[in-house]
Amino acid sequence: KKIIGLSVLQTAIFLFLISLSKVSGGTVPITGPS
């Protein structure tokens, strides 16, 4: 159960990092220099 709790904690951190990286109105960086 402690290992499962660590997995849930890691998933929360992954969600936080992905949430921080989202830019409102941002596009995919492959679209070019425009």
PDB file of all heavy atoms in Angstrom:
ATOM      1  N   LYS A   1       0.830  -1.205   0.000  1.00  0.00           N
ATOM      2  CA  LYS A   1       0.000   0.000   0.000  1.00  0.00           C
ATOM      3  C   LYS A   1       0.867   1.259   0.000  1.00  0.00           C
ATOM      4  O   LYS A   1       0.496   2.266  -0.595  1.00  0.00           O
ATOM      5  CB  LYS A   1      -0.945   0.000   1.193  1.00  0.00           C
ATOM      6  CG  LYS A   1      -2.053  -1.015   1.069  1.00  0.00           C
ATOM      7  CD  LYS A   1      -2.976  -0.970   2.255  1.00  0.00           C
ATOM      8  CE  LYS A   1      -4.053  -2.033   2.147  1.00  0.00           C
ATOM      9  NZ  LYS A   1      -4.932  -2.052   3.317  1.00  0.00           N
ATOM     10  N   LYS A   2       2.015   1.199   0.661  1.00  0.00           N
ATOM     11  CA  LYS A   2       2.928   2.343   0.629  1.00  0.00           C
ATOM     12  C   LYS A   2       3.460   2.582  -0.780  1.00  0.00           C
ATOM     13  O   LYS A   2       3.565   3.723  -1.221  1.00  0.00           O
ATOM     14  CB  LYS A   2       4.095   2.120   1.586  1.00  0.00           C
ATOM     15  CG  LYS A   2       3.731   2.283   3.031  1.00  0.00           C
ATOM     16  CD  LYS A   2       4.959   2.106   3.901  1.00  0.00           C
ATOM     17  CE  LYS A   2       4.590   2.107   5.346  1.00  0.00           C
ATOM     18  NZ  LYS A   2       4.799   3.393   5.982  1.00  0.00           N
ATOM     19  N   ILE A   3       3.747   1.510  -1.510  1.00  0.00           N
ATOM     20  CA  ILE A   3       4.219   1.649  -2.884  1.00  0.00           C
ATOM     21  C   ILE A   3       3.109   2.221  -3.775  1.00  0.00           C
ATOM     22  O   ILE A   3       3.361   3.075  -4.629  1.00  0.00           O
ATOM     23  CB  ILE A   3       4.705   0.281  -3.421  1.00  0.00           C
ATOM     24  CG1 ILE A   3       5.907  -0.208  -2.626  1.00  0.00           C
ATOM     25  CG2 ILE A   3       5.041   0.355  -4.900  1.00  0.00           C
ATOM     26  CD1 ILE A   3       7.109   0.678  -2.720  1.00  0.00           C
ATOM     27  N   ILE A   4       1.873   1.780  -3.552  1.00  0.00           N
ATOM     28  CA  ILE A   4       0.749   2.325  -4.315  1.00  0.00           C
ATOM     29  C   ILE A   4       0.566   3.808  -3.992  1.00  0.00           C
ATOM     30  O   ILE A   4       0.304   4.622  -4.878  1.00  0.00           O
ATOM     31  CB  ILE A   4      -0.530   1.522  -4.035  1.00  0.00           C
ATOM     32  CG1 ILE A   4      -0.393   0.120  -4.620  1.00  0.00           C
ATOM     33  CG2 ILE A   4      -1.767   2.221  -4.590  1.00  0.00           C
ATOM     34  CD1 ILE A   4      -1.487  -0.831  -4.234  1.00  0.00           C
ATOM     35  N   GLY A   5       0.725   4.180  -2.719  1.00  0.00           N
ATOM     36  CA  GLY A   5       0.642   5.589  -2.335  1.00  0.00           C
ATOM     37  C   GLY A   5       1.725   6.426  -2.994  1.00  0.00           C
ATOM     38  O   GLY A   5       1.471   7.550  -3.432  1.00  0.00           O
ATOM     39  N   LEU A   6       2.933   5.878  -3.088  1.00  0.00           N
ATOM     40  CA  LEU A   6       4.005   6.593  -3.790  1.00  0.00           C
ATOM     41  C   LEU A   6       3.683   6.759  -5.266  1.00  0.00           C
ATOM     42  O   LEU A   6       3.991   7.796  -5.864  1.00  0.00           O
ATOM     43  CB  LEU A   6       5.331   5.853  -3.621  1.00  0.00           C
ATOM     44  CG  LEU A   6       6.044   6.045  -2.290  1.00  0.00           C
ATOM     45  CD1 LEU A   6       7.267   5.147  -2.212  1.00  0.00           C
ATOM     46  CD2 LEU A   6       6.444   7.485  -2.120  1.00  0.00           C
ATOM     47  N   SER A   7       3.062   5.750  -5.854  1.00  0.00           N
ATOM     48  CA  SER A   7       2.666   5.845  -7.260  1.00  0.00           C
ATOM     49  C   SER A   7       1.624   6.935  -7.468  1.00  0.00           C
ATOM     50  O   SER A   7       1.691   7.693  -8.442  1.00  0.00           O
ATOM     51  CB  SER A   7       2.137   4.495  -7.730  1.00  0.00           C
ATOM     52  OG  SER A   7       1.675   4.585  -9.042  1.00  0.00           O
ATOM     53  N   VAL A   8       0.660   7.029  -6.565  1.00  0.00           N
ATOM     54  CA  VAL A   8      -0.360   8.086  -6.658  1.00  0.00           C
ATOM     55  C   VAL A   8       0.289   9.450  -6.475  1.00  0.00           C
ATOM     56  O   VAL A   8      -0.041  10.416  -7.186  1.00  0.00           O
ATOM     57  CB  VAL A   8      -1.483   7.848  -5.626  1.00  0.00           C
ATOM     58  CG1 VAL A   8      -2.427   9.032  -5.550  1.00  0.00           C
ATOM     59  CG2 VAL A   8      -2.243   6.584  -5.958  1.00  0.00           C
ATOM     60  N   LEU A   9       1.238   9.557  -5.562  1.00  0.00           N
ATOM     61  CA  LEU A   9       1.954  10.816  -5.344  1.00  0.00           C
ATOM     62  C   LEU A   9       2.751  11.210  -6.583  1.00  0.00           C
ATOM     63  O   LEU A   9       2.763  12.387  -6.975  1.00  0.00           O
ATOM     64  CB  LEU A   9       2.873  10.672  -4.130  1.00  0.00           C
ATOM     65  CG  LEU A   9       3.549  11.911  -3.593  1.00  0.00           C
ATOM     66  CD1 LEU A   9       2.525  12.913  -3.104  1.00  0.00           C
ATOM     67  CD2 LEU A   9       4.484  11.543  -2.472  1.00  0.00           C
ATOM     68  N   GLN A  10       3.398  10.258  -7.226  1.00  0.00           N
ATOM     69  CA  GLN A  10       4.141  10.544  -8.454  1.00  0.00           C
ATOM     70  C   GLN A  10       3.200  10.980  -9.573  1.00  0.00           C
ATOM     71  O   GLN A  10       3.522  11.903 -10.332  1.00  0.00           O
ATOM     72  CB  GLN A  10       4.924   9.321  -8.898  1.00  0.00           C
ATOM     73  CG  GLN A  10       6.122   9.028  -8.039  1.00  0.00           C
ATOM     74  CD  GLN A  10       6.808   7.729  -8.427  1.00  0.00           C
ATOM     75  OE1 GLN A  10       6.251   6.907  -9.138  1.00  0.00           O
ATOM     76  NE2 GLN A  10       8.024   7.565  -7.956  1.00  0.00           N
ATOM     77  N   THR A  11       2.043  10.351  -9.655  1.00  0.00           N
ATOM     78  CA  THR A  11       1.071  10.737 -10.672  1.00  0.00           C
ATOM     79  C   THR A  11       0.605  12.173 -10.451  1.00  0.00           C
ATOM     80  O   THR A  11       0.427  12.931 -11.419  1.00  0.00           O
ATOM     81  CB  THR A  11      -0.130   9.782 -10.642  1.00  0.00           C
ATOM     82  OG1 THR A  11       0.346   8.451 -10.835  1.00  0.00           O
ATOM     83  CG2 THR A  11      -1.139  10.126 -11.705  1.00  0.00           C
ATOM     84  N   ALA A  12       0.440  12.559  -9.209  1.00  0.00           N
ATOM     85  CA  ALA A  12       0.050  13.938  -8.905  1.00  0.00           C
ATOM     86  C   ALA A  12       1.130  14.917  -9.351  1.00  0.00           C
ATOM     87  O   ALA A  12       0.822  15.967  -9.927  1.00  0.00           O
ATOM     88  CB  ALA A  12      -0.214  14.094  -7.406  1.00  0.00           C
ATOM     89  N   ILE A  13       2.373  14.568  -9.141  1.00  0.00           N
ATOM     90  CA  ILE A  13       3.469  15.454  -9.557  1.00  0.00           C
ATOM     91  C   ILE A  13       3.543  15.541 -11.078  1.00  0.00           C
ATOM     92  O   ILE A  13       3.783  16.620 -11.627  1.00  0.00           O
ATOM     93  CB  ILE A  13       4.785  14.969  -8.933  1.00  0.00           C
ATOM     94  CG1 ILE A  13       4.731  15.163  -7.421  1.00  0.00           C
ATOM     95  CG2 ILE A  13       5.979  15.704  -9.525  1.00  0.00           C
ATOM     96  CD1 ILE A  13       5.858  14.531  -6.670  1.00  0.00           C
ATOM     97  N   PHE A  14       3.303  14.425 -11.764  1.00  0.00           N
ATOM     98  CA  PHE A  14       3.282  14.453 -13.224  1.00  0.00           C
ATOM     99  C   PHE A  14       2.176  15.378 -13.728  1.00  0.00           C
ATOM    100  O   PHE A  14       2.395  16.175 -14.654  1.00  0.00           O
ATOM    101  CB  PHE A  14       3.081  13.054 -13.802  1.00  0.00           C
ATOM    102  CG  PHE A  14       4.161  12.068 -13.448  1.00  0.00           C
ATOM    103  CD1 PHE A  14       3.891  10.722 -13.457  1.00  0.00           C
ATOM    104  CD2 PHE A  14       5.431  12.481 -13.116  1.00  0.00           C
ATOM    105  CE1 PHE A  14       4.872   9.803 -13.148  1.00  0.00           C
ATOM    106  CE2 PHE A  14       6.425  11.574 -12.783  1.00  0.00           C
ATOM    107  CZ  PHE A  14       6.138  10.232 -12.800  1.00  0.00           C
ATOM    108  N   LEU A  15       1.001  15.275 -13.127  1.00  0.00           N
ATOM    109  CA  LEU A  15      -0.114  16.142 -13.502  1.00  0.00           C
ATOM    110  C   LEU A  15       0.233  17.605 -13.269  1.00  0.00           C
ATOM    111  O   LEU A  15      -0.068  18.474 -14.099  1.00  0.00           O
ATOM    112  CB  LEU A  15      -1.376  15.764 -12.722  1.00  0.00           C
ATOM    113  CG  LEU A  15      -2.592  16.659 -12.924  1.00  0.00           C
ATOM    114  CD1 LEU A  15      -3.118  16.531 -14.341  1.00  0.00           C
ATOM    115  CD2 LEU A  15      -3.663  16.324 -11.921  1.00  0.00           C
ATOM    116  N   PHE A  16       0.897  17.890 -12.165  1.00  0.00           N
ATOM    117  CA  PHE A  16       1.277  19.268 -11.847  1.00  0.00           C
ATOM    118  C   PHE A  16       2.257  19.812 -12.876  1.00  0.00           C
ATOM    119  O   PHE A  16       2.116  20.949 -13.346  1.00  0.00           O
ATOM    120  CB  PHE A  16       1.877  19.321 -10.442  1.00  0.00           C
ATOM    121  CG  PHE A  16       2.302  20.688 -10.013  1.00  0.00           C
ATOM    122  CD1 PHE A  16       1.370  21.690  -9.825  1.00  0.00           C
ATOM    123  CD2 PHE A  16       3.631  20.978  -9.790  1.00  0.00           C
ATOM    124  CE1 PHE A  16       1.757  22.958  -9.420  1.00  0.00           C
ATOM    125  CE2 PHE A  16       4.029  22.236  -9.387  1.00  0.00           C
ATOM    126  CZ  PHE A  16       3.091  23.224  -9.204  1.00  0.00           C
ATOM    127  N   LEU A  17       3.259  19.016 -13.244  1.00  0.00           N
ATOM    128  CA  LEU A  17       4.246  19.488 -14.217  1.00  0.00           C
ATOM    129  C   LEU A  17       3.620  19.721 -15.589  1.00  0.00           C
ATOM    130  O   LEU A  17       3.935  20.708 -16.263  1.00  0.00           O
ATOM    131  CB  LEU A  17       5.393  18.486 -14.327  1.00  0.00           C
ATOM    132  CG  LEU A  17       6.317  18.412 -13.119  1.00  0.00           C
ATOM    133  CD1 LEU A  17       7.326  17.288 -13.292  1.00  0.00           C
ATOM    134  CD2 LEU A  17       7.035  19.727 -12.923  1.00  0.00           C
ATOM    135  N   ILE A  18       2.727  18.831 -15.996  1.00  0.00           N
ATOM    136  CA  ILE A  18       2.050  19.017 -17.284  1.00  0.00           C
ATOM    137  C   ILE A  18       1.131  20.242 -17.229  1.00  0.00           C
ATOM    138  O   ILE A  18       1.034  21.000 -18.192  1.00  0.00           O
ATOM    139  CB  ILE A  18       1.265  17.747 -17.675  1.00  0.00           C
ATOM    140  CG1 ILE A  18       2.221  16.595 -17.939  1.00  0.00           C
ATOM    141  CG2 ILE A  18       0.374  17.989 -18.870  1.00  0.00           C
ATOM    142  CD1 ILE A  18       3.124  16.780 -19.118  1.00  0.00           C
ATOM    143  N   SER A  19       0.469  20.446 -16.097  1.00  0.00           N
ATOM    144  CA  SER A  19      -0.418  21.605 -15.962  1.00  0.00           C
ATOM    145  C   SER A  19       0.355  22.914 -16.001  1.00  0.00           C
ATOM    146  O   SER A  19      -0.121  23.907 -16.555  1.00  0.00           O
ATOM    147  CB  SER A  19      -1.203  21.518 -14.651  1.00  0.00           C
ATOM    148  OG  SER A  19      -2.032  20.394 -14.646  1.00  0.00           O
ATOM    149  N   LEU A  20       1.541  22.927 -15.430  1.00  0.00           N
ATOM    150  CA  LEU A  20       2.350  24.143 -15.461  1.00  0.00           C
ATOM    151  C   LEU A  20       2.849  24.472 -16.857  1.00  0.00           C
ATOM    152  O   LEU A  20       3.057  25.640 -17.199  1.00  0.00           O
ATOM    153  CB  LEU A  20       3.553  24.002 -14.525  1.00  0.00           C
ATOM    154  CG  LEU A  20       3.295  24.164 -13.039  1.00  0.00           C
ATOM    155  CD1 LEU A  20       4.599  23.986 -12.273  1.00  0.00           C
ATOM    156  CD2 LEU A  20       2.710  25.525 -12.740  1.00  0.00           C
ATOM    157  N   SER A  21       3.053  23.452 -17.677  1.00  0.00           N
ATOM    158  CA  SER A  21       3.648  23.698 -18.986  1.00  0.00           C
ATOM    159  C   SER A  21       2.633  24.150 -20.034  1.00  0.00           C
ATOM    160  O   SER A  21       3.021  24.547 -21.126  1.00  0.00           O
ATOM    161  CB  SER A  21       4.355  22.441 -19.482  1.00  0.00           C
ATOM    162  OG  SER A  21       3.422  21.426 -19.746  1.00  0.00           O
ATOM    163  N   LYS A  22       1.346  24.086 -19.718  1.00  0.00           N
ATOM    164  CA  LYS A  22       0.325  24.497 -20.682  1.00  0.00           C
ATOM    165  C   LYS A  22       0.298  26.016 -20.796  1.00  0.00           C
ATOM    166  O   LYS A  22       0.233  26.736 -19.809  1.00  0.00           O
ATOM    167  CB  LYS A  22      -1.053  23.976 -20.244  1.00  0.00           C
ATOM    168  CG  LYS A  22      -2.192  24.442 -21.104  1.00  0.00           C
ATOM    169  CD  LYS A  22      -2.092  23.878 -22.492  1.00  0.00           C
ATOM    170  CE  LYS A  22      -3.254  24.355 -23.340  1.00  0.00           C
ATOM    171  NZ  LYS A  22      -2.824  24.921 -24.589  1.00  0.00           N
ATOM    172  N   VAL A  23       0.339  26.488 -22.048  1.00  0.00           N
ATOM    173  CA  VAL A  23       0.271  27.912 -22.336  1.00  0.00           C
ATOM    174  C   VAL A  23      -1.074  28.197 -22.989  1.00  0.00           C
ATOM    175  O   VAL A  23      -1.424  27.561 -23.983  1.00  0.00           O
ATOM    176  CB  VAL A  23       1.421  28.339 -23.274  1.00  0.00           C
ATOM    177  CG1 VAL A  23       1.302  29.799 -23.653  1.00  0.00           C
ATOM    178  CG2 VAL A  23       2.759  28.063 -22.626  1.00  0.00           C
ATOM    179  N   SER A  24      -1.835  29.108 -22.434  1.00  0.00           N
ATOM    180  CA  SER A  24      -3.140  29.444 -23.008  1.00  0.00           C
ATOM    181  C   SER A  24      -2.958  30.101 -24.370  1.00  0.00           C
ATOM    182  O   SER A  24      -2.235  31.082 -24.508  1.00  0.00           O
ATOM    183  CB  SER A  24      -3.903  30.384 -22.088  1.00  0.00           C
ATOM    184  OG  SER A  24      -4.194  29.754 -20.868  1.00  0.00           O
ATOM    185  N   GLY A  25      -3.607  29.514 -25.362  1.00  0.00           N
ATOM    186  CA  GLY A  25      -3.495  30.067 -26.713  1.00  0.00           C
ATOM    187  C   GLY A  25      -2.244  29.632 -27.437  1.00  0.00           C
ATOM    188  O   GLY A  25      -1.997  30.080 -28.548  1.00  0.00           O
ATOM    189  N   GLY A  26      -1.454  28.785 -26.836  1.00  0.00           N
ATOM    190  CA  GLY A  26      -0.217  28.336 -27.454  1.00  0.00           C
ATOM    191  C   GLY A  26      -0.462  27.269 -28.498  1.00  0.00           C
ATOM    192  O   GLY A  26      -1.426  26.514 -28.430  1.00  0.00           O
ATOM    193  N   THR A  27       0.423  27.210 -29.464  1.00  0.00           N
ATOM    194  CA  THR A  27       0.312  26.221 -30.524  1.00  0.00           C
ATOM    195  C   THR A  27       1.395  25.157 -30.356  1.00  0.00           C
ATOM    196  O   THR A  27       2.217  25.233 -29.449  1.00  0.00           O
ATOM    197  CB  THR A  27       0.459  26.878 -31.906  1.00  0.00           C
ATOM    198  OG1 THR A  27       1.768  27.460 -31.985  1.00  0.00           O
ATOM    199  CG2 THR A  27      -0.592  27.942 -32.129  1.00  0.00           C
ATOM    200  N   VAL A  28       1.392  24.210 -31.258  1.00  0.00           N
ATOM    201  CA  VAL A  28       2.416  23.174 -31.266  1.00  0.00           C
ATOM    202  C   VAL A  28       3.716  23.792 -31.772  1.00  0.00           C
ATOM    203  O   VAL A  28       3.707  24.558 -32.738  1.00  0.00           O
ATOM    204  CB  VAL A  28       1.967  22.008 -32.187  1.00  0.00           C
ATOM    205  CG1 VAL A  28       2.994  20.906 -32.188  1.00  0.00           C
ATOM    206  CG2 VAL A  28       0.619  21.498 -31.765  1.00  0.00           C
ATOM    207  N   PRO A  29       4.873  23.503 -31.160  1.00  0.00           N
ATOM    208  CA  PRO A  29       6.115  24.168 -31.581  1.00  0.00           C
ATOM    209  C   PRO A  29       6.610  23.722 -32.956  1.00  0.00           C
ATOM    210  O   PRO A  29       7.535  24.313 -33.495  1.00  0.00           O
ATOM    211  CB  PRO A  29       7.104  23.789 -30.489  1.00  0.00           C
ATOM    212  CG  PRO A  29       6.556  22.595 -29.838  1.00  0.00           C
ATOM    213  CD  PRO A  29       5.075  22.678 -29.980  1.00  0.00           C
ATOM    214  N   ILE A  30       5.981  22.731 -33.578  1.00  0.00           N
ATOM    215  CA  ILE A  30       6.442  22.238 -34.878  1.00  0.00           C
ATOM    216  C   ILE A  30       5.892  23.085 -36.026  1.00  0.00           C
ATOM    217  O   ILE A  30       6.319  22.956 -37.163  1.00  0.00           O
ATOM    218  CB  ILE A  30       6.031  20.751 -35.039  1.00  0.00           C
ATOM    219  CG1 ILE A  30       6.646  19.945 -33.903  1.00  0.00           C
ATOM    220  CG2 ILE A  30       6.456  20.169 -36.352  1.00  0.00           C
ATOM    221  CD1 ILE A  30       6.213  18.518 -33.850  1.00  0.00           C
ATOM    222  N   THR A  31       4.964  23.976 -35.733  1.00  0.00           N
ATOM    223  CA  THR A  31       4.310  24.739 -36.808  1.00  0.00           C
ATOM    224  C   THR A  31       5.259  25.671 -37.552  1.00  0.00           C
ATOM    225  O   THR A  31       4.900  26.179 -38.587  1.00  0.00           O
ATOM    226  CB  THR A  31       3.139  25.559 -36.236  1.00  0.00           C
ATOM    227  OG1 THR A  31       3.627  26.419 -35.217  1.00  0.00           O
ATOM    228  CG2 THR A  31       2.053  24.645 -35.704  1.00  0.00           C
ATOM    229  N   GLY A  32       6.424  25.892 -37.057  1.00  0.00           N
ATOM    230  CA  GLY A  32       7.397  26.722 -37.770  1.00  0.00           C
ATOM    231  C   GLY A  32       7.702  28.008 -37.043  1.00  0.00           C
ATOM    232  O   GLY A  32       7.167  28.287 -35.966  1.00  0.00           O
ATOM    233  N   PRO A  33       8.570  28.808 -37.609  1.00  0.00           N
ATOM    234  CA  PRO A  33       8.986  30.058 -36.943  1.00  0.00           C
ATOM    235  C   PRO A  33       7.901  31.123 -36.922  1.00  0.00           C
ATOM    236  O   PRO A  33       8.047  32.131 -36.252  1.00  0.00           O
ATOM    237  CB  PRO A  33      10.176  30.516 -37.767  1.00  0.00           C
ATOM    238  CG  PRO A  33      10.009  29.884 -39.102  1.00  0.00           C
ATOM    239  CD  PRO A  33       9.275  28.597 -38.874  1.00  0.00           C
ATOM    240  N   SER A  34       6.797  30.907 -37.646  1.00  0.00           N
ATOM    241  CA  SER A  34       5.741  31.928 -37.671  1.00  0.00           C
ATOM    242  C   SER A  34       4.922  31.944 -36.380  1.00  0.00           C
ATOM    243  O   SER A  34       4.220  32.904 -36.114  1.00  0.00           O
ATOM    244  CB  SER A  34       4.820  31.697 -38.869  1.00  0.00           C
ATOM    245  OG  SER A  34       4.177  30.441 -38.737  1.00  0.00           O
TER     246      SER A  34
END
